PDB file of N, CA and C in Angstrom:
ATOM      1  N   MET A   1       2.309 -19.153 -27.980  1.00  0.00           N
ATOM      2  CA  MET A   1       0.765 -19.341 -28.206  1.00  0.00           C
ATOM      3  C   MET A   1      -0.001 -18.735 -27.140  1.00  0.00           C
ATOM      4  N   LEU A   2      -1.032 -18.070 -27.389  1.00  0.00           N
ATOM      5  CA  LEU A   2      -1.830 -17.436 -26.327  1.00  0.00           C
ATOM      6  C   LEU A   2      -3.099 -18.295 -26.073  1.00  0.00           C
ATOM      7  N   TYR A   3      -3.445 -18.269 -24.745  1.00  0.00           N
ATOM      8  CA  TYR A   3      -4.522 -18.970 -24.248  1.00  0.00           C
ATOM      9  C   TYR A   3      -5.387 -18.150 -23.321  1.00  0.00           C
ATOM     10  N   HIS A   4      -6.504 -18.321 -23.428  1.00  0.00           N
ATOM     11  CA  HIS A   4      -7.601 -17.656 -22.506  1.00  0.00           C
ATOM     12  C   HIS A   4      -8.199 -18.933 -21.501  1.00  0.00           C
ATOM     13  N   LEU A   5      -7.875 -18.615 -20.198  1.00  0.00           N
ATOM     14  CA  LEU A   5      -8.344 -19.626 -19.338  1.00  0.00           C
ATOM     15  C   LEU A   5      -9.475 -19.085 -18.319  1.00  0.00           C
ATOM     16  N   ASP A   6     -10.584 -19.729 -18.147  1.00  0.00           N
ATOM     17  CA  ASP A   6     -11.573 -19.313 -17.453  1.00  0.00           C
ATOM     18  C   ASP A   6     -11.758 -20.390 -16.128  1.00  0.00           C
ATOM     19  N   PHE A   7     -11.280 -19.956 -14.992  1.00  0.00           N
ATOM     20  CA  PHE A   7     -11.290 -20.857 -13.896  1.00  0.00           C
ATOM     21  C   PHE A   7     -12.546 -20.679 -13.039  1.00  0.00           C
ATOM     22  N   SER A   8     -13.288 -21.668 -12.778  1.00  0.00           N
ATOM     23  CA  SER A   8     -14.522 -21.596 -11.934  1.00  0.00           C
ATOM     24  C   SER A   8     -14.179 -22.592 -10.625  1.00  0.00           C
ATOM     25  N   VAL A   9     -14.273 -21.988  -9.438  1.00  0.00           N
ATOM     26  CA  VAL A   9     -13.926 -22.786  -8.196  1.00  0.00           C
ATOM     27  C   VAL A   9     -15.192 -22.892  -7.261  1.00  0.00           C
ATOM     28  N   THR A  10     -15.302 -24.164  -6.928  1.00  0.00           N
ATOM     29  CA  THR A  10     -16.379 -24.493  -5.908  1.00  0.00           C
ATOM     30  C   THR A  10     -15.522 -25.203  -4.736  1.00  0.00           C
ATOM     31  N   TYR A  11     -16.237 -25.396  -3.651  1.00  0.00           N
ATOM     32  CA  TYR A  11     -15.493 -26.043  -2.574  1.00  0.00           C
ATOM     33  C   TYR A  11     -16.578 -26.951  -1.872  1.00  0.00           C
ATOM     34  N   ALA A  12     -16.020 -28.064  -1.404  1.00  0.00           N
ATOM     35  CA  ALA A  12     -16.843 -29.014  -0.594  1.00  0.00           C
ATOM     36  C   ALA A  12     -17.600 -28.455   0.562  1.00  0.00           C
ATOM     37  N   ALA A  13     -18.764 -28.942   0.920  1.00  0.00           N
ATOM     38  CA  ALA A  13     -19.542 -28.419   1.977  1.00  0.00           C
ATOM     39  C   ALA A  13     -18.762 -28.599   3.285  1.00  0.00           C
ATOM     40  N   ASP A  14     -17.900 -29.566   3.443  1.00  0.00           N
ATOM     41  CA  ASP A  14     -17.115 -29.628   4.682  1.00  0.00           C
ATOM     42  C   ASP A  14     -15.741 -28.750   4.741  1.00  0.00           C
ATOM     43  N   MET A  15     -15.623 -28.070   3.795  1.00  0.00           N
ATOM     44  CA  MET A  15     -14.419 -27.222   3.669  1.00  0.00           C
ATOM     45  C   MET A  15     -14.728 -25.866   4.164  1.00  0.00           C
ATOM     46  N   LYS A  16     -14.002 -25.321   5.049  1.00  0.00           N
ATOM     47  CA  LYS A  16     -14.163 -23.972   5.666  1.00  0.00           C
ATOM     48  C   LYS A  16     -13.617 -22.924   4.740  1.00  0.00           C
ATOM     49  N   GLN A  17     -14.257 -21.829   4.667  1.00  0.00           N
ATOM     50  CA  GLN A  17     -13.931 -20.640   3.777  1.00  0.00           C
ATOM     51  C   GLN A  17     -12.455 -20.394   3.968  1.00  0.00           C
ATOM     52  N   ASN A  18     -12.152 -20.427   5.177  1.00  0.00           N
ATOM     53  CA  ASN A  18     -10.563 -19.847   5.488  1.00  0.00           C
ATOM     54  C   ASN A  18      -9.716 -21.012   4.922  1.00  0.00           C
ATOM     55  N   ASP A  19     -10.142 -22.306   4.916  1.00  0.00           N
ATOM     56  CA  ASP A  19      -9.124 -23.160   4.096  1.00  0.00           C
ATOM     57  C   ASP A  19      -9.085 -22.811   2.742  1.00  0.00           C
ATOM     58  N   LEU A  20     -10.221 -22.462   2.068  1.00  0.00           N
ATOM     59  CA  LEU A  20     -10.253 -22.183   0.715  1.00  0.00           C
ATOM     60  C   LEU A  20      -9.270 -20.900   0.476  1.00  0.00           C
ATOM     61  N   PHE A  21      -9.467 -20.043   1.315  1.00  0.00           N
ATOM     62  CA  PHE A  21      -8.617 -18.744   1.258  1.00  0.00           C
ATOM     63  C   PHE A  21      -7.158 -19.117   1.311  1.00  0.00           C
ATOM     64  N   THR A  22      -6.872 -20.099   2.352  1.00  0.00           N
ATOM     65  CA  THR A  22      -5.401 -20.463   2.383  1.00  0.00           C
ATOM     66  C   THR A  22      -4.766 -21.041   0.954  1.00  0.00           C
ATOM     67  N   ILE A  23      -5.678 -21.823   0.492  1.00  0.00           N
ATOM     68  CA  ILE A  23      -5.282 -22.459  -0.779  1.00  0.00           C
ATOM     69  C   ILE A  23      -5.155 -21.334  -1.897  1.00  0.00           C
ATOM     70  N   TRP A  24      -6.222 -20.483  -1.881  1.00  0.00           N
ATOM     71  CA  TRP A  24      -6.353 -19.390  -2.923  1.00  0.00           C
ATOM     72  C   TRP A  24      -5.095 -18.408  -2.859  1.00  0.00           C
ATOM     73  N   ALA A  25      -4.668 -18.113  -1.532  1.00  0.00           N
ATOM     74  CA  ALA A  25      -3.579 -17.181  -1.336  1.00  0.00           C
ATOM     75  C   ALA A  25      -2.257 -17.818  -1.884  1.00  0.00           C
ATOM     76  N   GLU A  26      -2.060 -19.149  -1.711  1.00  0.00           N
ATOM     77  CA  GLU A  26      -0.987 -19.828  -2.181  1.00  0.00           C
ATOM     78  C   GLU A  26      -1.061 -19.633  -3.875  1.00  0.00           C
ATOM     79  N   GLU A  27      -2.183 -19.893  -4.361  1.00  0.00           N
ATOM     80  CA  GLU A  27      -2.336 -19.883  -5.788  1.00  0.00           C
ATOM     81  C   GLU A  27      -2.142 -18.534  -6.346  1.00  0.00           C
ATOM     82  N   ALA A  28      -2.559 -17.495  -5.572  1.00  0.00           N
ATOM     83  CA  ALA A  28      -2.250 -16.125  -5.988  1.00  0.00           C
ATOM     84  C   ALA A  28      -0.846 -15.913  -6.120  1.00  0.00           C
ATOM     85  N   GLY A  29      -0.017 -16.255  -5.206  1.00  0.00           N
ATOM     86  CA  GLY A  29       1.427 -16.056  -5.114  1.00  0.00           C
ATOM     87  C   GLY A  29       2.036 -16.689  -6.437  1.00  0.00           C
ATOM     88  N   VAL A  30       1.740 -17.897  -6.738  1.00  0.00           N
ATOM     89  CA  VAL A  30       2.159 -18.712  -7.836  1.00  0.00           C
ATOM     90  C   VAL A  30       1.751 -17.821  -9.235  1.00  0.00           C
ATOM     91  N   ALA A  31       0.489 -17.457  -9.321  1.00  0.00           N
ATOM     92  CA  ALA A  31      -0.045 -16.840 -10.406  1.00  0.00           C
ATOM     93  C   ALA A  31       0.691 -15.399 -10.677  1.00  0.00           C
ATOM     94  N   LEU A  32       0.790 -14.704  -9.645  1.00  0.00           N
ATOM     95  CA  LEU A  32       1.462 -13.325  -9.869  1.00  0.00           C
ATOM     96  C   LEU A  32       2.970 -13.525 -10.010  1.00  0.00           C
ATOM     97  N   GLY A  33       3.582 -14.661  -9.553  1.00  0.00           N
ATOM     98  CA  GLY A  33       4.976 -14.946  -9.966  1.00  0.00           C
ATOM     99  C   GLY A  33       5.159 -15.250 -11.399  1.00  0.00           C
ATOM    100  N   ALA A  34       4.130 -15.972 -11.898  1.00  0.00           N
ATOM    101  CA  ALA A  34       4.038 -16.434 -13.398  1.00  0.00           C
ATOM    102  C   ALA A  34       3.873 -15.193 -14.257  1.00  0.00           C
ATOM    103  N   LYS A  35       3.207 -14.118 -13.717  1.00  0.00           N
ATOM    104  CA  LYS A  35       2.865 -12.962 -14.358  1.00  0.00           C
ATOM    105  C   LYS A  35       4.235 -12.192 -14.466  1.00  0.00           C
ATOM    106  N   GLU A  36       4.825 -12.117 -13.293  1.00  0.00           N
ATOM    107  CA  GLU A  36       6.301 -11.337 -13.453  1.00  0.00           C
ATOM    108  C   GLU A  36       7.068 -12.058 -14.335  1.00  0.00           C
ATOM    109  N   ALA A  37       7.144 -13.394 -14.495  1.00  0.00           N
ATOM    110  CA  ALA A  37       8.051 -14.088 -15.263  1.00  0.00           C
ATOM    111  C   ALA A  37       7.495 -13.948 -16.787  1.00  0.00           C
ATOM    112  N   GLY A  38       6.299 -13.635 -17.094  1.00  0.00           N
ATOM    113  CA  GLY A  38       5.903 -13.340 -18.531  1.00  0.00           C
ATOM    114  C   GLY A  38       5.060 -14.471 -19.051  1.00  0.00           C
ATOM    115  N   ALA A  39       4.881 -15.444 -18.324  1.00  0.00           N
ATOM    116  CA  ALA A  39       4.004 -16.617 -18.845  1.00  0.00           C
ATOM    117  C   ALA A  39       2.450 -16.263 -18.742  1.00  0.00           C
ATOM    118  N   VAL A  40       2.211 -15.362 -17.726  1.00  0.00           N
ATOM    119  CA  VAL A  40       0.801 -14.828 -17.730  1.00  0.00           C
ATOM    120  C   VAL A  40       0.973 -13.530 -18.126  1.00  0.00           C
ATOM    121  N   VAL A  41       0.017 -13.291 -19.144  1.00  0.00           N
ATOM    122  CA  VAL A  41      -0.066 -12.008 -19.710  1.00  0.00           C
ATOM    123  C   VAL A  41      -0.875 -10.909 -18.763  1.00  0.00           C
ATOM    124  N   ASP A  42      -2.058 -11.475 -18.252  1.00  0.00           N
ATOM    125  CA  ASP A  42      -2.844 -10.733 -17.238  1.00  0.00           C
ATOM    126  C   ASP A  42      -3.720 -11.658 -16.669  1.00  0.00           C
ATOM    127  N   LEU A  43      -4.265 -11.180 -15.556  1.00  0.00           N
ATOM    128  CA  LEU A  43      -5.358 -12.006 -14.555  1.00  0.00           C
ATOM    129  C   LEU A  43      -6.375 -10.989 -14.213  1.00  0.00           C
ATOM    130  N   TRP A  44      -7.591 -11.543 -14.267  1.00  0.00           N
ATOM    131  CA  TRP A  44      -8.597 -10.946 -13.662  1.00  0.00           C
ATOM    132  C   TRP A  44      -9.485 -11.877 -12.658  1.00  0.00           C
ATOM    133  N   LYS A  45     -10.003 -11.208 -11.529  1.00  0.00           N
ATOM    134  CA  LYS A  45     -10.807 -11.950 -10.721  1.00  0.00           C
ATOM    135  C   LYS A  45     -12.347 -11.347 -11.142  1.00  0.00           C
ATOM    136  N   VAL A  46     -13.288 -12.280 -11.386  1.00  0.00           N
ATOM    137  CA  VAL A  46     -14.632 -11.828 -11.654  1.00  0.00           C
ATOM    138  C   VAL A  46     -15.366 -11.445 -10.288  1.00  0.00           C
ATOM    139  N   ALA A  47     -15.754 -10.313 -10.293  1.00  0.00           N
ATOM    140  CA  ALA A  47     -16.428  -9.658  -9.173  1.00  0.00           C
ATOM    141  C   ALA A  47     -17.530 -10.582  -8.666  1.00  0.00           C
ATOM    142  N   GLY A  48     -17.782 -10.956  -7.500  1.00  0.00           N
ATOM    143  CA  GLY A  48     -18.966 -11.426  -7.035  1.00  0.00           C
ATOM    144  C   GLY A  48     -19.018 -13.069  -7.334  1.00  0.00           C
ATOM    145  N   GLU A  49     -17.945 -13.586  -7.843  1.00  0.00           N
ATOM    146  CA  GLU A  49     -17.933 -14.947  -8.308  1.00  0.00           C
ATOM    147  C   GLU A  49     -16.614 -15.584  -7.888  1.00  0.00           C
ATOM    148  N   ARG A  50     -16.571 -16.850  -7.772  1.00  0.00           N
ATOM    149  CA  ARG A  50     -15.196 -17.619  -7.377  1.00  0.00           C
ATOM    150  C   ARG A  50     -14.675 -18.032  -8.780  1.00  0.00           C
ATOM    151  N   ARG A  51     -14.345 -17.029  -9.664  1.00  0.00           N
ATOM    152  CA  ARG A  51     -13.943 -17.226 -11.005  1.00  0.00           C
ATOM    153  C   ARG A  51     -12.746 -16.248 -11.193  1.00  0.00           C
ATOM    154  N   VAL A  52     -11.654 -16.845 -11.986  1.00  0.00           N
ATOM    155  CA  VAL A  52     -10.516 -15.975 -12.426  1.00  0.00           C
ATOM    156  C   VAL A  52     -10.310 -16.235 -13.837  1.00  0.00           C
ATOM    157  N   ILE A  53      -9.996 -15.121 -14.517  1.00  0.00           N
ATOM    158  CA  ILE A  53      -9.713 -15.248 -15.998  1.00  0.00           C
ATOM    159  C   ILE A  53      -8.306 -14.963 -16.169  1.00  0.00           C
ATOM    160  N   ALA A  54      -7.704 -15.779 -16.927  1.00  0.00           N
ATOM    161  CA  ALA A  54      -6.182 -15.426 -17.219  1.00  0.00           C
ATOM    162  C   ALA A  54      -5.883 -15.471 -18.593  1.00  0.00           C
ATOM    163  N   ILE A  55      -5.025 -14.878 -19.105  1.00  0.00           N
ATOM    164  CA  ILE A  55      -4.458 -14.930 -20.499  1.00  0.00           C
ATOM    165  C   ILE A  55      -2.921 -15.325 -20.384  1.00  0.00           C
ATOM    166  N   LEU A  56      -2.622 -16.489 -20.963  1.00  0.00           N
ATOM    167  CA  LEU A  56      -1.214 -16.946 -20.842  1.00  0.00           C
ATOM    168  C   LEU A  56      -0.612 -17.040 -22.186  1.00  0.00           C
ATOM    169  N   ASN A  57       0.706 -16.880 -22.204  1.00  0.00           N
ATOM    170  CA  ASN A  57       1.524 -16.973 -23.343  1.00  0.00           C
ATOM    171  C   ASN A  57       2.553 -18.071 -23.162  1.00  0.00           C
ATOM    172  N   LEU A  58       2.322 -19.167 -23.824  1.00  0.00           N
ATOM    173  CA  LEU A  58       3.095 -20.310 -23.707  1.00  0.00           C
ATOM    174  C   LEU A  58       3.586 -20.814 -24.935  1.00  0.00           C
ATOM    175  N   ASP A  59       4.567 -21.938 -24.805  1.00  0.00           N
ATOM    176  CA  ASP A  59       5.052 -22.476 -25.927  1.00  0.00           C
ATOM    177  C   ASP A  59       3.990 -23.377 -26.777  1.00  0.00           C
ATOM    178  N   GLY A  60       3.033 -24.086 -26.031  1.00  0.00           N
ATOM    179  CA  GLY A  60       2.071 -24.722 -26.599  1.00  0.00           C
ATOM    180  C   GLY A  60       1.300 -25.618 -25.590  1.00  0.00           C
ATOM    181  N   PRO A  61       0.562 -26.582 -26.059  1.00  0.00           N
ATOM    182  CA  PRO A  61      -0.529 -27.252 -25.163  1.00  0.00           C
ATOM    183  C   PRO A  61       0.078 -28.158 -24.142  1.00  0.00           C
ATOM    184  N   ASP A  62       1.378 -28.735 -24.424  1.00  0.00           N
ATOM    185  CA  ASP A  62       1.929 -29.511 -23.505  1.00  0.00           C
ATOM    186  C   ASP A  62       2.362 -28.627 -22.227  1.00  0.00           C
ATOM    187  N   THR A  63       3.019 -27.555 -22.433  1.00  0.00           N
ATOM    188  CA  THR A  63       3.289 -26.542 -21.430  1.00  0.00           C
ATOM    189  C   THR A  63       2.100 -26.099 -20.705  1.00  0.00           C
ATOM    190  N   LEU A  64       0.907 -26.046 -21.240  1.00  0.00           N
ATOM    191  CA  LEU A  64      -0.292 -25.525 -20.444  1.00  0.00           C
ATOM    192  C   LEU A  64      -0.647 -26.684 -19.746  1.00  0.00           C
ATOM    193  N   ASP A  65      -0.750 -27.865 -20.097  1.00  0.00           N
ATOM    194  CA  ASP A  65      -1.051 -29.015 -19.302  1.00  0.00           C
ATOM    195  C   ASP A  65      -0.197 -29.154 -17.962  1.00  0.00           C
ATOM    196  N   GLN A  66       1.059 -29.132 -18.285  1.00  0.00           N
ATOM    197  CA  GLN A  66       2.122 -29.106 -17.184  1.00  0.00           C
ATOM    198  C   GLN A  66       1.828 -28.156 -16.216  1.00  0.00           C
ATOM    199  N   ILE A  67       1.520 -26.844 -16.600  1.00  0.00           N
ATOM    200  CA  ILE A  67       1.359 -25.833 -15.731  1.00  0.00           C
ATOM    201  C   ILE A  67       0.008 -26.020 -14.867  1.00  0.00           C
ATOM    202  N   LEU A  68      -1.095 -26.447 -15.546  1.00  0.00           N
ATOM    203  CA  LEU A  68      -2.222 -26.671 -14.928  1.00  0.00           C
ATOM    204  C   LEU A  68      -2.100 -27.803 -13.713  1.00  0.00           C
ATOM    205  N   MET A  69      -1.344 -28.943 -14.158  1.00  0.00           N
ATOM    206  CA  MET A  69      -1.407 -29.973 -13.245  1.00  0.00           C
ATOM    207  C   MET A  69      -0.550 -29.541 -12.093  1.00  0.00           C
ATOM    208  N   ASP A  70       0.339 -28.582 -12.096  1.00  0.00           N
ATOM    209  CA  ASP A  70       1.124 -28.144 -10.939  1.00  0.00           C
ATOM    210  C   ASP A  70       0.683 -27.069 -10.237  1.00  0.00           C
ATOM    211  N   LEU A  71      -0.466 -26.428 -10.602  1.00  0.00           N
ATOM    212  CA  LEU A  71      -1.010 -25.256  -9.748  1.00  0.00           C
ATOM    213  C   LEU A  71      -1.364 -25.732  -8.355  1.00  0.00           C
ATOM    214  N   PRO A  72      -1.169 -25.111  -7.357  1.00  0.00           N
ATOM    215  CA  PRO A  72      -1.494 -25.536  -6.032  1.00  0.00           C
ATOM    216  C   PRO A  72      -3.025 -25.763  -5.913  1.00  0.00           C
ATOM    217  N   ILE A  73      -3.784 -24.978  -6.507  1.00  0.00           N
ATOM    218  CA  ILE A  73      -5.383 -25.255  -6.294  1.00  0.00           C
ATOM    219  C   ILE A  73      -5.780 -26.515  -7.033  1.00  0.00           C
ATOM    220  N   MET A  74      -5.005 -26.826  -8.170  1.00  0.00           N
ATOM    221  CA  MET A  74      -5.390 -27.978  -8.861  1.00  0.00           C
ATOM    222  C   MET A  74      -4.893 -29.244  -8.037  1.00  0.00           C
ATOM    223  N   GLN A  75      -3.875 -29.154  -7.392  1.00  0.00           N
ATOM    224  CA  GLN A  75      -3.351 -30.375  -6.615  1.00  0.00           C
ATOM    225  C   GLN A  75      -3.995 -30.611  -5.359  1.00  0.00           C
ATOM    226  N   LYS A  76      -4.520 -29.568  -4.814  1.00  0.00           N
ATOM    227  CA  LYS A  76      -5.214 -29.579  -3.391  1.00  0.00           C
ATOM    228  C   LYS A  76      -6.682 -29.716  -3.593  1.00  0.00           C
ATOM    229  N   MET A  77      -7.310 -29.239  -4.720  1.00  0.00           N
ATOM    230  CA  MET A  77      -8.808 -29.300  -4.748  1.00  0.00           C
ATOM    231  C   MET A  77      -9.215 -29.407  -6.260  1.00  0.00           C
ATOM    232  N   GLY A  78      -8.491 -30.014  -7.108  1.00  0.00           N
ATOM    233  CA  GLY A  78      -8.668 -30.016  -8.469  1.00  0.00           C
ATOM    234  C   GLY A  78     -10.126 -30.452  -8.928  1.00  0.00           C
ATOM    235  N   GLN A  79     -10.798 -31.277  -8.121  1.00  0.00           N
ATOM    236  CA  GLN A  79     -11.930 -31.967  -8.347  1.00  0.00           C
ATOM    237  C   GLN A  79     -13.052 -30.798  -8.224  1.00  0.00           C
ATOM    238  N   HIS A  80     -12.741 -29.629  -7.555  1.00  0.00           N
ATOM    239  CA  HIS A  80     -13.660 -28.475  -7.582  1.00  0.00           C
ATOM    240  C   HIS A  80     -13.255 -27.233  -8.287  1.00  0.00           C
ATOM    241  N   VAL A  81     -12.450 -27.608  -9.237  1.00  0.00           N
ATOM    242  CA  VAL A  81     -11.994 -26.477 -10.235  1.00  0.00           C
ATOM    243  C   VAL A  81     -12.252 -26.840 -11.655  1.00  0.00           C
ATOM    244  N   GLU A  82     -13.000 -26.072 -12.418  1.00  0.00           N
ATOM    245  CA  GLU A  82     -13.246 -26.285 -13.775  1.00  0.00           C
ATOM    246  C   GLU A  82     -12.573 -25.218 -14.527  1.00  0.00           C
ATOM    247  N   VAL A  83     -11.824 -25.612 -15.567  1.00  0.00           N
ATOM    248  CA  VAL A  83     -11.177 -24.831 -16.367  1.00  0.00           C
ATOM    249  C   VAL A  83     -11.504 -24.925 -17.858  1.00  0.00           C
ATOM    250  N   LYS A  84     -11.971 -23.657 -18.222  1.00  0.00           N
ATOM    251  CA  LYS A  84     -12.417 -23.743 -19.798  1.00  0.00           C
ATOM    252  C   LYS A  84     -11.174 -22.957 -20.475  1.00  0.00           C
ATOM    253  N   VAL A  85     -10.683 -23.660 -21.461  1.00  0.00           N
ATOM    254  CA  VAL A  85      -9.504 -23.097 -22.287  1.00  0.00           C
ATOM    255  C   VAL A  85      -9.753 -22.966 -23.768  1.00  0.00           C
ATOM    256  N   SER A  86      -9.241 -21.802 -24.135  1.00  0.00           N
ATOM    257  CA  SER A  86      -9.423 -21.341 -25.562  1.00  0.00           C
ATOM    258  C   SER A  86      -8.103 -20.954 -26.058  1.00  0.00           C
ATOM    259  N   ALA A  87      -7.678 -21.428 -27.211  1.00  0.00           N
ATOM    260  CA  ALA A  87      -6.527 -20.974 -27.789  1.00  0.00           C
ATOM    261  C   ALA A  87      -6.870 -19.559 -28.569  1.00  0.00           C
ATOM    262  N   LEU A  88      -6.056 -18.787 -28.378  1.00  0.00           N
ATOM    263  CA  LEU A  88      -6.345 -17.385 -28.979  1.00  0.00           C
ATOM    264  C   LEU A  88      -5.353 -16.986 -30.131  1.00  0.00           C
ATOM    265  N   ARG A  89      -6.010 -16.321 -31.123  1.00  0.00           N
ATOM    266  CA  ARG A  89      -5.343 -15.971 -32.359  1.00  0.00           C
ATOM    267  C   ARG A  89      -5.266 -14.437 -32.394  1.00  0.00           C
ATOM    268  N   ARG A  90      -4.262 -13.740 -32.758  1.00  0.00           N
ATOM    269  CA  ARG A  90      -4.238 -12.412 -32.830  1.00  0.00           C
ATOM    270  C   ARG A  90      -5.090 -12.023 -34.033  1.00  0.00           C
ATOM    271  N   TYR A  91      -6.016 -11.056 -33.677  1.00  0.00           N
ATOM    272  CA  TYR A  91      -6.945 -10.489 -34.630  1.00  0.00           C
ATOM    273  C   TYR A  91      -6.419  -9.943 -35.831  1.00  0.00           C
ATOM    274  N   GLU A  92      -5.310  -9.338 -35.669  1.00  0.00           N
ATOM    275  CA  GLU A  92      -4.501  -8.688 -36.824  1.00  0.00           C
ATOM    276  C   GLU A  92      -4.232  -9.905 -37.900  1.00  0.00           C
ATOM    277  N   ASP A  93      -3.828 -11.058 -37.506  1.00  0.00           N
ATOM    278  CA  ASP A  93      -3.423 -12.083 -38.295  1.00  0.00           C
ATOM    279  C   ASP A  93      -4.737 -12.678 -38.977  1.00  0.00           C
ATOM    280  N   PHE A  94      -5.747 -12.767 -38.246  1.00  0.00           N
ATOM    281  CA  PHE A  94      -7.087 -13.309 -38.790  1.00  0.00           C
ATOM    282  C   PHE A  94      -7.477 -12.340 -39.816  1.00  0.00           C
ATOM    283  N   ALA A  95      -7.453 -10.961 -39.420  1.00  0.00           N
ATOM    284  CA  ALA A  95      -7.928  -9.939 -40.492  1.00  0.00           C
ATOM    285  C   ALA A  95      -7.174 -10.064 -41.796  1.00  0.00           C
ATOM    286  N   ALA A  96      -5.843 -10.358 -41.579  1.00  0.00           N
ATOM    287  CA  ALA A  96      -5.013 -10.446 -42.765  1.00  0.00           C
ATOM    288  C   ALA A  96      -5.358 -11.630 -43.792  1.00  0.00           C
ATOM    289  N   ASP A  97      -5.627 -12.855 -43.128  1.00  0.00           N
ATOM    290  CA  ASP A  97      -6.199 -13.876 -43.846  1.00  0.00           C
ATOM    291  C   ASP A  97      -7.471 -13.693 -44.473  1.00  0.00           C
ATOM    292  N   VAL A  98      -8.333 -12.987 -43.972  1.00  0.00           N
ATOM    293  CA  VAL A  98      -9.560 -12.594 -44.541  1.00  0.00           C
ATOM    294  C   VAL A  98      -9.358 -11.819 -45.689  1.00  0.00           C
ATOM    295  N   LYS A  99      -8.636 -10.728 -45.624  1.00  0.00           N
ATOM    296  CA  LYS A  99      -8.167  -9.888 -46.659  1.00  0.00           C
ATOM    297  C   LYS A  99      -7.526 -10.654 -47.796  1.00  0.00           C
ATOM    298  N   GLU A 100      -6.682 -11.502 -47.576  1.00  0.00           N
ATOM    299  CA  GLU A 100      -6.012 -12.351 -48.469  1.00  0.00           C
ATOM    300  C   GLU A 100      -7.043 -13.128 -49.296  1.00  0.00           C
ATOM    301  N   ARG A 101      -8.044 -13.575 -48.558  1.00  0.00           N
ATOM    302  CA  ARG A 101      -8.884 -14.562 -49.236  1.00  0.00           C
ATOM    303  C   ARG A 101      -9.911 -13.635 -50.252  1.00  0.00           C
ATOM    304  N   LEU A 102     -10.197 -12.497 -49.749  1.00  0.00           N
ATOM    305  CA  LEU A 102     -10.932 -11.657 -50.539  1.00  0.00           C
ATOM    306  C   LEU A 102     -10.225 -11.072 -51.885  1.00  0.00           C
ATOM    307  N   ASP A 103      -8.870 -11.076 -51.874  1.00  0.00           N
ATOM    308  CA  ASP A 103      -8.025 -10.655 -52.980  1.00  0.00           C
ATOM    309  C   ASP A 103      -7.820 -11.763 -53.957  1.00  0.00           C
ATOM    310  N   ARG A 104      -8.131 -12.930 -53.715  1.00  0.00           N
ATOM    311  CA  ARG A 104      -7.843 -14.197 -54.618  1.00  0.00           C
ATOM    312  C   ARG A 104      -8.732 -14.047 -55.911  1.00  0.00           C
TER     313      ARG A 104
END
């Protein structure tokens, strides 16, 4: 199942930027490893914002929750990370369903 994840990251006023970068560097290593393993289809960093967009290919919602709970950035500063998740459907499958309904 494909998922679109949109991560927005803030950090506490008393956190130094270098501390954020240390956590983000660890997170990047995990994310790129998951991409090499095939769980992450692709990743994008939104220019000028502390946002990352990810497309994941997973077995289902339980696996997604487990991965999110284990991410370094979630474990270390999860209260400052907002994740918006959308389940994705292949457009070709949707188009086939629409066509089938027109043909009834």
